[in-house]
Amino acid sequence: MSNIKLLTEEESDKLIQILQQRFEKNMHRHAHIKWEDVSEILNSDAIKLWSLQRMEETGGEPDVVVLDPDSSTICYVDCSAESPKGRRSCCYDQLALDTRKEHKPKISAEGMAEDFFISLLTEDEYKILQSIEKFDLKTSSWLKTPEEVRKLGGAIFGDRRYDRVFTYHNGAESYYAARGFRAKLLLDSEF
């Protein structure tokens, strides 16, 4: 946790205001959740606020999304129309970064997520997100890759083309200017 610099009161207030406006503007993402419940958690967890600030700063536009209707855990997810701009041009994970011989990217998706205390979306979560709205019409997003695929050197990513959601594969060491990653942050409370 050495890279955490907690937000000032002014920064926290500004971020919470942005999150509240986004929450109220996009009720279809979280119809049965009340802002008061979310706000109470945010105001009591400085580290979660710090993570949300990182998501916001890198272009994620985090908002509360119900990824599991059977769960009562509040979940923030990147809801930017395209893969977050500040998280693109990264390979999949540290192993991919270490094994790439030339033209290495600066960071991996898994590494950045770890640094921010957030998690890549799984394939199922990505499909649920895409069922709520249309995302990644021009970009793509790395997804949490099953271990059996990763052991063989691959990684998966998703996007929406031709009004369909696709999951593809690539070598984990690959990176592209239009591929980043979407993430989630679970809040330790229930609504």
N, C-alpha and C. Protein backbone atom coordinates (compact mmCIF):
# COMPACT_ATOMS: atom_id res chain seq x y z
N MET A 1 0.81 -1.19 0.00
CA MET A 1 0.00 0.00 0.00
C MET A 1 0.86 1.26 0.00
N SER A 2 2.12 1.11 -0.31
CA SER A 2 3.02 2.26 -0.25
C SER A 2 2.74 3.32 -1.31
N ASN A 3 2.04 2.96 -2.38
CA ASN A 3 1.77 3.93 -3.43
C ASN A 3 0.48 4.72 -3.20
N ILE A 4 -0.17 4.49 -2.08
CA ILE A 4 -1.42 5.21 -1.78
C ILE A 4 -1.11 6.56 -1.15
N LYS A 5 -1.72 7.58 -1.73
CA LYS A 5 -1.69 8.91 -1.13
C LYS A 5 -3.15 9.30 -0.97
N LEU A 6 -3.65 9.21 0.26
CA LEU A 6 -5.07 9.45 0.50
C LEU A 6 -5.49 10.82 -0.01
N LEU A 7 -6.73 10.89 -0.43
CA LEU A 7 -7.26 12.14 -0.96
C LEU A 7 -7.47 13.15 0.14
N THR A 8 -7.30 14.42 -0.23
CA THR A 8 -7.63 15.48 0.71
C THR A 8 -9.15 15.55 0.84
N GLU A 9 -9.63 16.27 1.81
CA GLU A 9 -11.08 16.42 1.99
C GLU A 9 -11.70 17.06 0.75
N GLU A 10 -11.02 18.03 0.18
CA GLU A 10 -11.52 18.70 -1.03
C GLU A 10 -11.57 17.73 -2.21
N GLU A 11 -10.52 16.92 -2.39
CA GLU A 11 -10.50 15.93 -3.47
C GLU A 11 -11.59 14.89 -3.29
N SER A 12 -11.76 14.44 -2.04
CA SER A 12 -12.82 13.46 -1.74
C SER A 12 -14.19 14.02 -2.06
N ASP A 13 -14.45 15.25 -1.62
CA ASP A 13 -15.75 15.88 -1.87
C ASP A 13 -16.02 16.02 -3.37
N LYS A 14 -14.99 16.42 -4.12
CA LYS A 14 -15.15 16.59 -5.57
C LYS A 14 -15.44 15.25 -6.24
N LEU A 15 -14.70 14.21 -5.85
CA LEU A 15 -14.92 12.88 -6.44
C LEU A 15 -16.31 12.37 -6.09
N ILE A 16 -16.71 12.49 -4.86
CA ILE A 16 -18.04 12.01 -4.45
C ILE A 16 -19.13 12.75 -5.21
N GLN A 17 -18.93 14.04 -5.45
CA GLN A 17 -19.92 14.80 -6.23
C GLN A 17 -20.01 14.26 -7.67
N ILE A 18 -18.88 13.97 -8.28
CA ILE A 18 -18.85 13.39 -9.64
C ILE A 18 -19.56 12.04 -9.65
N LEU A 19 -19.25 11.20 -8.66
CA LEU A 19 -19.85 9.87 -8.58
C LEU A 19 -21.35 9.95 -8.35
N GLN A 20 -21.79 10.90 -7.53
CA GLN A 20 -23.22 11.05 -7.27
C GLN A 20 -23.95 11.50 -8.54
N GLN A 21 -23.38 12.46 -9.26
CA GLN A 21 -24.02 12.93 -10.50
C GLN A 21 -24.12 11.80 -11.51
N ARG A 22 -23.07 11.02 -11.65
CA ARG A 22 -23.07 9.89 -12.59
C ARG A 22 -24.09 8.84 -12.14
N PHE A 23 -24.14 8.57 -10.85
CA PHE A 23 -25.08 7.61 -10.29
C PHE A 23 -26.52 8.03 -10.60
N GLU A 24 -26.85 9.28 -10.36
CA GLU A 24 -28.21 9.77 -10.56
C GLU A 24 -28.59 9.85 -12.04
N LYS A 25 -27.62 10.08 -12.89
CA LYS A 25 -27.86 10.18 -14.34
C LYS A 25 -28.06 8.80 -14.98
N ASN A 26 -27.58 7.76 -14.35
CA ASN A 26 -27.56 6.41 -14.96
C ASN A 26 -28.23 5.38 -14.06
N MET A 27 -29.44 5.65 -13.64
CA MET A 27 -30.14 4.75 -12.71
C MET A 27 -30.40 3.37 -13.31
N HIS A 28 -30.40 3.24 -14.62
CA HIS A 28 -30.61 1.93 -15.25
C HIS A 28 -29.50 0.94 -14.92
N ARG A 29 -28.37 1.42 -14.46
CA ARG A 29 -27.25 0.54 -14.09
C ARG A 29 -27.42 -0.05 -12.68
N HIS A 30 -28.28 0.57 -11.88
CA HIS A 30 -28.39 0.19 -10.47
C HIS A 30 -29.75 0.59 -9.89
N ALA A 31 -30.80 0.19 -10.53
CA ALA A 31 -32.16 0.65 -10.23
C ALA A 31 -32.59 0.50 -8.78
N HIS A 32 -32.14 -0.52 -8.09
CA HIS A 32 -32.63 -0.78 -6.73
C HIS A 32 -31.65 -0.34 -5.64
N ILE A 33 -30.66 0.42 -6.02
CA ILE A 33 -29.66 0.87 -5.04
C ILE A 33 -29.87 2.36 -4.78
N LYS A 34 -29.74 2.75 -3.52
CA LYS A 34 -29.93 4.15 -3.13
C LYS A 34 -28.57 4.82 -2.96
N TRP A 35 -28.49 6.06 -3.43
CA TRP A 35 -27.24 6.81 -3.31
C TRP A 35 -26.80 6.92 -1.85
N GLU A 36 -27.72 7.09 -0.93
CA GLU A 36 -27.37 7.24 0.49
C GLU A 36 -26.56 6.04 0.98
N ASP A 37 -26.91 4.84 0.52
CA ASP A 37 -26.18 3.63 0.92
C ASP A 37 -24.75 3.64 0.37
N VAL A 38 -24.63 4.07 -0.87
CA VAL A 38 -23.31 4.13 -1.51
C VAL A 38 -22.47 5.21 -0.84
N SER A 39 -23.06 6.37 -0.66
CA SER A 39 -22.36 7.52 -0.07
C SER A 39 -21.83 7.21 1.33
N GLU A 40 -22.61 6.50 2.11
CA GLU A 40 -22.20 6.14 3.46
C GLU A 40 -20.91 5.31 3.44
N ILE A 41 -20.83 4.36 2.51
CA ILE A 41 -19.64 3.52 2.39
C ILE A 41 -18.46 4.35 1.91
N LEU A 42 -18.68 5.17 0.88
CA LEU A 42 -17.59 5.97 0.33
C LEU A 42 -16.99 6.91 1.37
N ASN A 43 -17.85 7.51 2.17
CA ASN A 43 -17.38 8.45 3.18
C ASN A 43 -16.65 7.78 4.34
N SER A 44 -16.74 6.46 4.42
CA SER A 44 -16.08 5.76 5.52
C SER A 44 -14.88 4.91 5.07
N ASP A 45 -14.52 4.97 3.78
CA ASP A 45 -13.43 4.12 3.29
C ASP A 45 -12.50 4.91 2.37
N ALA A 46 -11.47 5.49 2.96
CA ALA A 46 -10.54 6.36 2.23
C ALA A 46 -9.77 5.60 1.14
N ILE A 47 -9.49 4.33 1.36
CA ILE A 47 -8.73 3.56 0.37
C ILE A 47 -9.60 3.27 -0.87
N LYS A 48 -10.88 2.95 -0.65
CA LYS A 48 -11.78 2.74 -1.79
C LYS A 48 -11.92 4.03 -2.59
N LEU A 49 -12.00 5.16 -1.90
CA LEU A 49 -12.06 6.45 -2.60
C LEU A 49 -10.80 6.68 -3.42
N TRP A 50 -9.65 6.32 -2.86
CA TRP A 50 -8.39 6.46 -3.58
C TRP A 50 -8.41 5.61 -4.86
N SER A 51 -8.90 4.36 -4.75
CA SER A 51 -9.01 3.49 -5.92
C SER A 51 -9.95 4.08 -6.97
N LEU A 52 -11.09 4.58 -6.52
CA LEU A 52 -12.05 5.20 -7.45
C LEU A 52 -11.45 6.43 -8.13
N GLN A 53 -10.64 7.17 -7.39
CA GLN A 53 -9.96 8.34 -7.98
C GLN A 53 -9.01 7.88 -9.10
N ARG A 54 -8.30 6.78 -8.89
CA ARG A 54 -7.40 6.24 -9.93
C ARG A 54 -8.22 5.82 -11.16
N MET A 55 -9.36 5.17 -10.90
CA MET A 55 -10.23 4.75 -12.01
C MET A 55 -10.71 5.99 -12.78
N GLU A 56 -11.09 7.01 -12.05
CA GLU A 56 -11.59 8.25 -12.67
C GLU A 56 -10.48 8.95 -13.46
N GLU A 57 -9.31 9.09 -12.86
CA GLU A 57 -8.19 9.79 -13.50
C GLU A 57 -7.73 9.12 -14.79
N THR A 58 -7.87 7.81 -14.88
CA THR A 58 -7.43 7.10 -16.07
C THR A 58 -8.55 6.95 -17.09
N GLY A 59 -9.68 7.63 -16.87
CA GLY A 59 -10.74 7.68 -17.87
C GLY A 59 -11.81 6.62 -17.75
N GLY A 60 -11.89 5.94 -16.60
CA GLY A 60 -12.84 4.84 -16.45
C GLY A 60 -14.29 5.22 -16.25
N GLU A 61 -14.53 6.43 -15.75
CA GLU A 61 -15.90 6.86 -15.44
C GLU A 61 -16.63 5.82 -14.61
N PRO A 62 -16.10 5.46 -13.43
CA PRO A 62 -16.70 4.41 -12.62
C PRO A 62 -18.10 4.77 -12.14
N ASP A 63 -18.96 3.75 -12.13
CA ASP A 63 -20.32 3.91 -11.64
C ASP A 63 -20.75 2.58 -11.01
N VAL A 64 -21.76 2.65 -10.17
CA VAL A 64 -22.30 1.46 -9.54
C VAL A 64 -23.06 0.66 -10.61
N VAL A 65 -22.73 -0.63 -10.71
CA VAL A 65 -23.37 -1.52 -11.68
C VAL A 65 -23.72 -2.81 -10.95
N VAL A 66 -24.91 -3.33 -11.21
CA VAL A 66 -25.31 -4.60 -10.64
C VAL A 66 -24.84 -5.71 -11.59
N LEU A 67 -23.72 -6.35 -11.23
CA LEU A 67 -23.17 -7.44 -12.04
C LEU A 67 -23.74 -8.79 -11.62
N ASP A 68 -24.20 -8.86 -10.39
CA ASP A 68 -24.77 -10.11 -9.87
C ASP A 68 -26.07 -9.78 -9.13
N PRO A 69 -27.21 -10.03 -9.76
CA PRO A 69 -28.48 -9.67 -9.12
C PRO A 69 -28.76 -10.44 -7.83
N ASP A 70 -28.04 -11.53 -7.60
CA ASP A 70 -28.22 -12.31 -6.37
C ASP A 70 -27.33 -11.83 -5.23
N SER A 71 -26.46 -10.89 -5.51
CA SER A 71 -25.56 -10.36 -4.49
C SER A 71 -26.04 -8.99 -4.03
N SER A 72 -25.76 -8.68 -2.78
CA SER A 72 -26.12 -7.36 -2.28
C SER A 72 -24.87 -6.51 -2.06
N THR A 73 -23.76 -6.90 -2.64
CA THR A 73 -22.54 -6.13 -2.55
C THR A 73 -22.57 -5.03 -3.61
N ILE A 74 -22.20 -3.84 -3.21
CA ILE A 74 -22.15 -2.72 -4.14
C ILE A 74 -20.86 -2.80 -4.94
N CYS A 75 -20.96 -2.65 -6.25
CA CYS A 75 -19.82 -2.82 -7.15
C CYS A 75 -19.69 -1.61 -8.07
N TYR A 76 -18.51 -1.01 -8.09
CA TYR A 76 -18.20 0.04 -9.06
C TYR A 76 -17.52 -0.62 -10.26
N VAL A 77 -17.89 -0.16 -11.47
CA VAL A 77 -17.34 -0.70 -12.71
C VAL A 77 -17.02 0.47 -13.64
N ASP A 78 -15.98 0.32 -14.44
CA ASP A 78 -15.67 1.33 -15.47
C ASP A 78 -16.80 1.38 -16.48
N CYS A 79 -17.39 2.55 -16.65
CA CYS A 79 -18.51 2.71 -17.58
C CYS A 79 -18.22 3.71 -18.69
N SER A 80 -16.96 3.99 -18.95
CA SER A 80 -16.61 4.85 -20.08
C SER A 80 -17.03 4.15 -21.37
N ALA A 81 -17.46 4.91 -22.35
CA ALA A 81 -17.95 4.31 -23.61
C ALA A 81 -16.89 3.42 -24.24
N GLU A 82 -15.65 3.84 -24.21
CA GLU A 82 -14.54 3.06 -24.76
C GLU A 82 -13.62 2.66 -23.61
N SER A 83 -12.75 1.70 -23.87
CA SER A 83 -11.81 1.25 -22.85
C SER A 83 -11.07 2.46 -22.28
N PRO A 84 -10.92 2.56 -20.96
CA PRO A 84 -10.33 3.75 -20.36
C PRO A 84 -9.01 4.17 -21.01
N LYS A 85 -8.97 5.40 -21.47
CA LYS A 85 -7.84 5.90 -22.26
C LYS A 85 -6.50 5.83 -21.51
N GLY A 86 -6.53 6.08 -20.23
CA GLY A 86 -5.30 6.05 -19.44
C GLY A 86 -4.84 4.65 -19.06
N ARG A 87 -5.54 3.63 -19.56
CA ARG A 87 -5.18 2.24 -19.27
C ARG A 87 -5.03 1.42 -20.54
N ARG A 88 -4.71 2.07 -21.63
CA ARG A 88 -4.53 1.35 -22.90
C ARG A 88 -3.04 1.11 -23.15
N SER A 89 -2.77 0.37 -24.21
CA SER A 89 -1.40 0.04 -24.62
C SER A 89 -0.65 -0.74 -23.54
N CYS A 90 -1.33 -1.68 -22.94
CA CYS A 90 -0.69 -2.51 -21.93
C CYS A 90 -0.87 -3.98 -22.31
N CYS A 91 0.15 -4.78 -21.99
CA CYS A 91 0.01 -6.22 -22.20
C CYS A 91 -0.83 -6.77 -21.05
N TYR A 92 -1.03 -8.08 -21.01
CA TYR A 92 -1.96 -8.64 -20.04
C TYR A 92 -1.45 -8.65 -18.60
N ASP A 93 -0.26 -9.26 -18.35
CA ASP A 93 0.21 -9.39 -16.96
C ASP A 93 1.72 -9.25 -16.89
N GLN A 94 2.27 -9.37 -15.67
CA GLN A 94 3.70 -9.17 -15.45
C GLN A 94 4.54 -10.20 -16.20
N LEU A 95 4.09 -11.45 -16.24
CA LEU A 95 4.83 -12.47 -16.98
C LEU A 95 4.93 -12.09 -18.46
N ALA A 96 3.85 -11.60 -19.03
CA ALA A 96 3.87 -11.16 -20.42
C ALA A 96 4.84 -9.99 -20.60
N LEU A 97 4.83 -9.06 -19.66
CA LEU A 97 5.73 -7.91 -19.71
C LEU A 97 7.18 -8.36 -19.62
N ASP A 98 7.45 -9.31 -18.73
CA ASP A 98 8.82 -9.80 -18.54
C ASP A 98 9.33 -10.58 -19.75
N THR A 99 8.47 -11.32 -20.43
CA THR A 99 8.91 -12.16 -21.54
C THR A 99 8.96 -11.43 -22.88
N ARG A 100 8.35 -10.27 -22.97
CA ARG A 100 8.38 -9.52 -24.22
C ARG A 100 9.80 -9.01 -24.44
N LYS A 101 10.36 -9.29 -25.61
CA LYS A 101 11.76 -8.95 -25.89
C LYS A 101 11.95 -7.49 -26.35
N GLU A 102 11.11 -7.04 -27.26
CA GLU A 102 11.27 -5.69 -27.82
C GLU A 102 9.99 -4.89 -27.66
N HIS A 103 10.15 -3.57 -27.68
CA HIS A 103 9.02 -2.64 -27.66
C HIS A 103 8.05 -2.96 -26.52
N LYS A 104 8.61 -3.07 -25.34
CA LYS A 104 7.78 -3.40 -24.18
C LYS A 104 6.86 -2.23 -23.84
N PRO A 105 5.62 -2.54 -23.45
CA PRO A 105 4.75 -1.49 -22.93
C PRO A 105 5.25 -1.08 -21.54
N LYS A 106 4.73 0.00 -21.03
CA LYS A 106 5.18 0.48 -19.72
C LYS A 106 4.65 -0.36 -18.56
N ILE A 107 3.47 -0.95 -18.75
CA ILE A 107 2.83 -1.67 -17.65
C ILE A 107 1.89 -2.73 -18.21
N SER A 108 1.49 -3.63 -17.35
CA SER A 108 0.50 -4.64 -17.74
C SER A 108 -0.85 -4.28 -17.15
N ALA A 109 -1.90 -4.84 -17.73
CA ALA A 109 -3.26 -4.61 -17.22
C ALA A 109 -3.39 -5.13 -15.79
N GLU A 110 -2.96 -6.35 -15.56
CA GLU A 110 -3.04 -6.93 -14.22
C GLU A 110 -2.19 -6.13 -13.23
N GLY A 111 -1.02 -5.67 -13.66
CA GLY A 111 -0.15 -4.89 -12.77
C GLY A 111 -0.78 -3.57 -12.37
N MET A 112 -1.37 -2.88 -13.33
CA MET A 112 -2.01 -1.60 -13.02
C MET A 112 -3.23 -1.83 -12.13
N ALA A 113 -4.01 -2.85 -12.42
CA ALA A 113 -5.18 -3.15 -11.59
C ALA A 113 -4.74 -3.42 -10.15
N GLU A 114 -3.69 -4.19 -10.00
CA GLU A 114 -3.17 -4.49 -8.67
C GLU A 114 -2.74 -3.22 -7.95
N ASP A 115 -2.05 -2.34 -8.68
CA ASP A 115 -1.60 -1.08 -8.10
C ASP A 115 -2.77 -0.22 -7.63
N PHE A 116 -3.90 -0.32 -8.31
CA PHE A 116 -5.09 0.48 -7.98
C PHE A 116 -6.04 -0.24 -7.01
N PHE A 117 -5.74 -1.49 -6.65
CA PHE A 117 -6.60 -2.31 -5.79
C PHE A 117 -7.97 -2.55 -6.43
N ILE A 118 -7.95 -2.80 -7.73
CA ILE A 118 -9.17 -3.11 -8.49
C ILE A 118 -8.93 -4.43 -9.22
N SER A 119 -9.98 -4.99 -9.84
CA SER A 119 -9.87 -6.28 -10.53
C SER A 119 -10.40 -6.18 -11.94
N LEU A 120 -9.74 -6.86 -12.87
CA LEU A 120 -10.26 -6.94 -14.23
C LEU A 120 -11.61 -7.63 -14.22
N LEU A 121 -12.48 -7.24 -15.14
CA LEU A 121 -13.77 -7.91 -15.29
C LEU A 121 -13.56 -9.31 -15.86
N THR A 122 -14.36 -10.24 -15.42
CA THR A 122 -14.36 -11.57 -16.02
C THR A 122 -15.16 -11.51 -17.33
N GLU A 123 -15.08 -12.57 -18.09
CA GLU A 123 -15.86 -12.64 -19.33
C GLU A 123 -17.35 -12.53 -19.05
N ASP A 124 -17.84 -13.22 -18.04
CA ASP A 124 -19.27 -13.16 -17.69
C ASP A 124 -19.67 -11.76 -17.24
N GLU A 125 -18.85 -11.13 -16.41
CA GLU A 125 -19.16 -9.77 -15.95
C GLU A 125 -19.18 -8.79 -17.12
N TYR A 126 -18.25 -8.96 -18.05
CA TYR A 126 -18.19 -8.09 -19.23
C TYR A 126 -19.47 -8.23 -20.05
N LYS A 127 -19.95 -9.44 -20.21
CA LYS A 127 -21.20 -9.66 -20.96
C LYS A 127 -22.39 -9.03 -20.25
N ILE A 128 -22.42 -9.11 -18.93
CA ILE A 128 -23.49 -8.47 -18.17
C ILE A 128 -23.42 -6.96 -18.36
N LEU A 129 -22.23 -6.39 -18.25
CA LEU A 129 -22.06 -4.95 -18.46
C LEU A 129 -22.56 -4.55 -19.84
N GLN A 130 -22.20 -5.34 -20.85
CA GLN A 130 -22.60 -5.06 -22.23
C GLN A 130 -24.12 -5.22 -22.42
N SER A 131 -24.78 -5.99 -21.57
CA SER A 131 -26.24 -6.13 -21.67
C SER A 131 -26.97 -4.90 -21.13
N ILE A 132 -26.26 -4.11 -20.34
CA ILE A 132 -26.85 -2.90 -19.76
C ILE A 132 -26.72 -1.72 -20.74
N GLU A 133 -25.57 -1.63 -21.39
CA GLU A 133 -25.27 -0.56 -22.36
C GLU A 133 -24.29 -1.11 -23.38
N LYS A 134 -24.06 -0.33 -24.44
CA LYS A 134 -23.09 -0.72 -25.46
C LYS A 134 -21.75 -0.05 -25.16
N PHE A 135 -20.72 -0.86 -24.99
CA PHE A 135 -19.38 -0.39 -24.68
C PHE A 135 -18.38 -0.95 -25.69
N ASP A 136 -17.22 -0.32 -25.77
CA ASP A 136 -16.11 -0.78 -26.61
C ASP A 136 -16.52 -0.98 -28.07
N LEU A 137 -17.12 0.05 -28.65
CA LEU A 137 -17.49 -0.01 -30.06
C LEU A 137 -16.28 0.22 -30.98
N LYS A 138 -15.25 0.88 -30.45
CA LYS A 138 -14.02 1.15 -31.23
C LYS A 138 -12.78 0.59 -30.56
N THR A 139 -12.89 0.23 -29.29
CA THR A 139 -11.74 -0.27 -28.54
C THR A 139 -12.02 -1.70 -28.08
N SER A 140 -11.10 -2.25 -27.32
CA SER A 140 -11.32 -3.57 -26.71
C SER A 140 -10.74 -3.53 -25.30
N SER A 141 -11.14 -4.50 -24.49
CA SER A 141 -10.71 -4.53 -23.08
C SER A 141 -10.22 -5.93 -22.70
N TRP A 142 -9.01 -5.98 -22.11
CA TRP A 142 -8.53 -7.24 -21.55
C TRP A 142 -9.53 -7.71 -20.50
N LEU A 143 -9.72 -9.01 -20.40
CA LEU A 143 -10.59 -9.61 -19.41
C LEU A 143 -9.80 -10.58 -18.55
N LYS A 144 -10.28 -10.82 -17.33
CA LYS A 144 -9.62 -11.79 -16.45
C LYS A 144 -9.58 -13.12 -17.18
N THR A 145 -8.40 -13.62 -17.41
CA THR A 145 -8.20 -14.80 -18.23
C THR A 145 -8.16 -16.07 -17.38
N PRO A 146 -8.89 -17.10 -17.79
CA PRO A 146 -8.83 -18.37 -17.05
C PRO A 146 -7.40 -18.91 -17.04
N GLU A 147 -7.02 -19.51 -15.92
CA GLU A 147 -5.66 -20.00 -15.74
C GLU A 147 -5.22 -20.97 -16.83
N GLU A 148 -6.15 -21.83 -17.29
CA GLU A 148 -5.77 -22.82 -18.31
C GLU A 148 -5.41 -22.15 -19.63
N VAL A 149 -5.99 -21.00 -19.93
CA VAL A 149 -5.64 -20.24 -21.15
C VAL A 149 -4.32 -19.53 -20.93
N ARG A 150 -4.17 -18.92 -19.75
CA ARG A 150 -2.95 -18.16 -19.46
C ARG A 150 -1.72 -19.07 -19.45
N LYS A 151 -1.86 -20.29 -18.94
CA LYS A 151 -0.73 -21.24 -18.90
C LYS A 151 -0.21 -21.56 -20.29
N LEU A 152 -1.08 -21.43 -21.30
CA LEU A 152 -0.68 -21.70 -22.68
C LEU A 152 -0.17 -20.45 -23.40
N GLY A 153 -0.06 -19.34 -22.66
CA GLY A 153 0.51 -18.12 -23.23
C GLY A 153 -0.51 -17.11 -23.73
N GLY A 154 -1.79 -17.45 -23.61
CA GLY A 154 -2.82 -16.56 -24.14
C GLY A 154 -3.50 -15.72 -23.08
N ALA A 155 -4.32 -14.82 -23.56
CA ALA A 155 -5.18 -13.99 -22.70
C ALA A 155 -6.41 -13.64 -23.52
N ILE A 156 -7.49 -13.30 -22.84
CA ILE A 156 -8.73 -12.99 -23.56
C ILE A 156 -9.08 -11.50 -23.42
N PHE A 157 -9.82 -11.02 -24.41
CA PHE A 157 -10.31 -9.64 -24.38
C PHE A 157 -11.66 -9.61 -25.07
N GLY A 158 -12.39 -8.55 -24.83
CA GLY A 158 -13.72 -8.42 -25.41
C GLY A 158 -13.95 -7.07 -26.04
N ASP A 159 -14.95 -7.03 -26.92
CA ASP A 159 -15.42 -5.78 -27.50
C ASP A 159 -16.81 -5.99 -28.07
N ARG A 160 -17.37 -4.94 -28.62
CA ARG A 160 -18.69 -5.03 -29.27
C ARG A 160 -18.49 -4.56 -30.71
N ARG A 161 -18.87 -5.44 -31.64
CA ARG A 161 -18.83 -5.13 -33.06
C ARG A 161 -20.09 -5.73 -33.69
N TYR A 162 -20.59 -5.09 -34.71
CA TYR A 162 -21.76 -5.60 -35.44
C TYR A 162 -22.92 -5.89 -34.49
N ASP A 163 -23.04 -5.05 -33.46
CA ASP A 163 -24.08 -5.15 -32.45
C ASP A 163 -24.07 -6.48 -31.71
N ARG A 164 -22.86 -7.07 -31.58
CA ARG A 164 -22.67 -8.31 -30.81
C ARG A 164 -21.45 -8.15 -29.91
N VAL A 165 -21.47 -8.84 -28.80
CA VAL A 165 -20.33 -8.84 -27.89
C VAL A 165 -19.46 -10.05 -28.22
N PHE A 166 -18.19 -9.80 -28.44
CA PHE A 166 -17.25 -10.86 -28.79
C PHE A 166 -16.19 -11.01 -27.72
N THR A 167 -15.75 -12.24 -27.51
CA THR A 167 -14.59 -12.53 -26.69
C THR A 167 -13.58 -13.18 -27.63
N TYR A 168 -12.36 -12.65 -27.59
CA TYR A 168 -11.28 -13.13 -28.46
C TYR A 168 -10.10 -13.57 -27.60
N HIS A 169 -9.08 -14.02 -28.28
CA HIS A 169 -7.84 -14.39 -27.61
C HIS A 169 -6.68 -13.72 -28.32
N ASN A 170 -5.59 -13.58 -27.61
CA ASN A 170 -4.36 -13.00 -28.15
C ASN A 170 -3.22 -13.51 -27.28
N GLY A 171 -2.01 -13.37 -27.78
CA GLY A 171 -0.87 -13.65 -26.91
C GLY A 171 -0.88 -12.62 -25.79
N ALA A 172 -0.63 -13.05 -24.57
CA ALA A 172 -0.71 -12.15 -23.42
C ALA A 172 0.29 -11.00 -23.50
N GLU A 173 1.36 -11.18 -24.27
CA GLU A 173 2.37 -10.12 -24.37
C GLU A 173 2.01 -9.05 -25.40
N SER A 174 0.94 -9.27 -26.15
CA SER A 174 0.55 -8.28 -27.16
C SER A 174 -0.06 -7.05 -26.50
N TYR A 175 0.04 -5.94 -27.20
CA TYR A 175 -0.63 -4.73 -26.72
C TYR A 175 -0.93 -3.84 -27.91
N TYR A 176 -2.00 -3.08 -27.78
CA TYR A 176 -2.46 -2.22 -28.87
C TYR A 176 -2.95 -0.90 -28.29
N ALA A 177 -2.85 0.13 -29.09
CA ALA A 177 -3.28 1.46 -28.66
C ALA A 177 -4.76 1.51 -28.33
N ALA A 178 -5.55 0.62 -28.91
CA ALA A 178 -6.99 0.63 -28.69
C ALA A 178 -7.44 -0.43 -27.68
N ARG A 179 -6.50 -1.10 -27.01
CA ARG A 179 -6.89 -2.11 -26.01
C ARG A 179 -6.40 -1.69 -24.63
N GLY A 180 -7.34 -1.62 -23.72
CA GLY A 180 -7.03 -1.34 -22.32
C GLY A 180 -7.69 -2.39 -21.46
N PHE A 181 -8.22 -1.96 -20.34
CA PHE A 181 -8.98 -2.91 -19.51
C PHE A 181 -10.01 -2.16 -18.70
N ARG A 182 -11.11 -2.86 -18.47
CA ARG A 182 -12.17 -2.38 -17.58
C ARG A 182 -12.03 -3.13 -16.27
N ALA A 183 -12.40 -2.46 -15.20
CA ALA A 183 -12.22 -3.08 -13.90
C ALA A 183 -13.43 -2.87 -13.01
N LYS A 184 -13.39 -3.56 -11.89
CA LYS A 184 -14.45 -3.43 -10.89
C LYS A 184 -13.79 -3.19 -9.53
N LEU A 185 -14.56 -2.57 -8.67
CA LEU A 185 -14.16 -2.36 -7.29
C LEU A 185 -15.36 -2.68 -6.42
N LEU A 186 -15.22 -3.68 -5.57
CA LEU A 186 -16.31 -4.07 -4.68
C LEU A 186 -16.23 -3.25 -3.41
N LEU A 187 -17.37 -2.72 -2.99
CA LEU A 187 -17.43 -2.00 -1.73
C LEU A 187 -17.84 -2.99 -0.64
N ASP A 188 -17.22 -2.91 0.48
CA ASP A 188 -17.42 -3.89 1.55
C ASP A 188 -18.69 -3.63 2.36
N SER A 189 -19.77 -3.53 1.66
CA SER A 189 -21.04 -3.35 2.36
C SER A 189 -22.16 -3.77 1.45
N GLU A 190 -23.33 -3.83 1.99
CA GLU A 190 -24.49 -4.31 1.24
C GLU A 190 -25.57 -3.25 1.22
N PHE A 191 -26.44 -3.31 0.23
CA PHE A 191 -27.57 -2.38 0.15
C PHE A 191 -28.84 -3.05 0.56
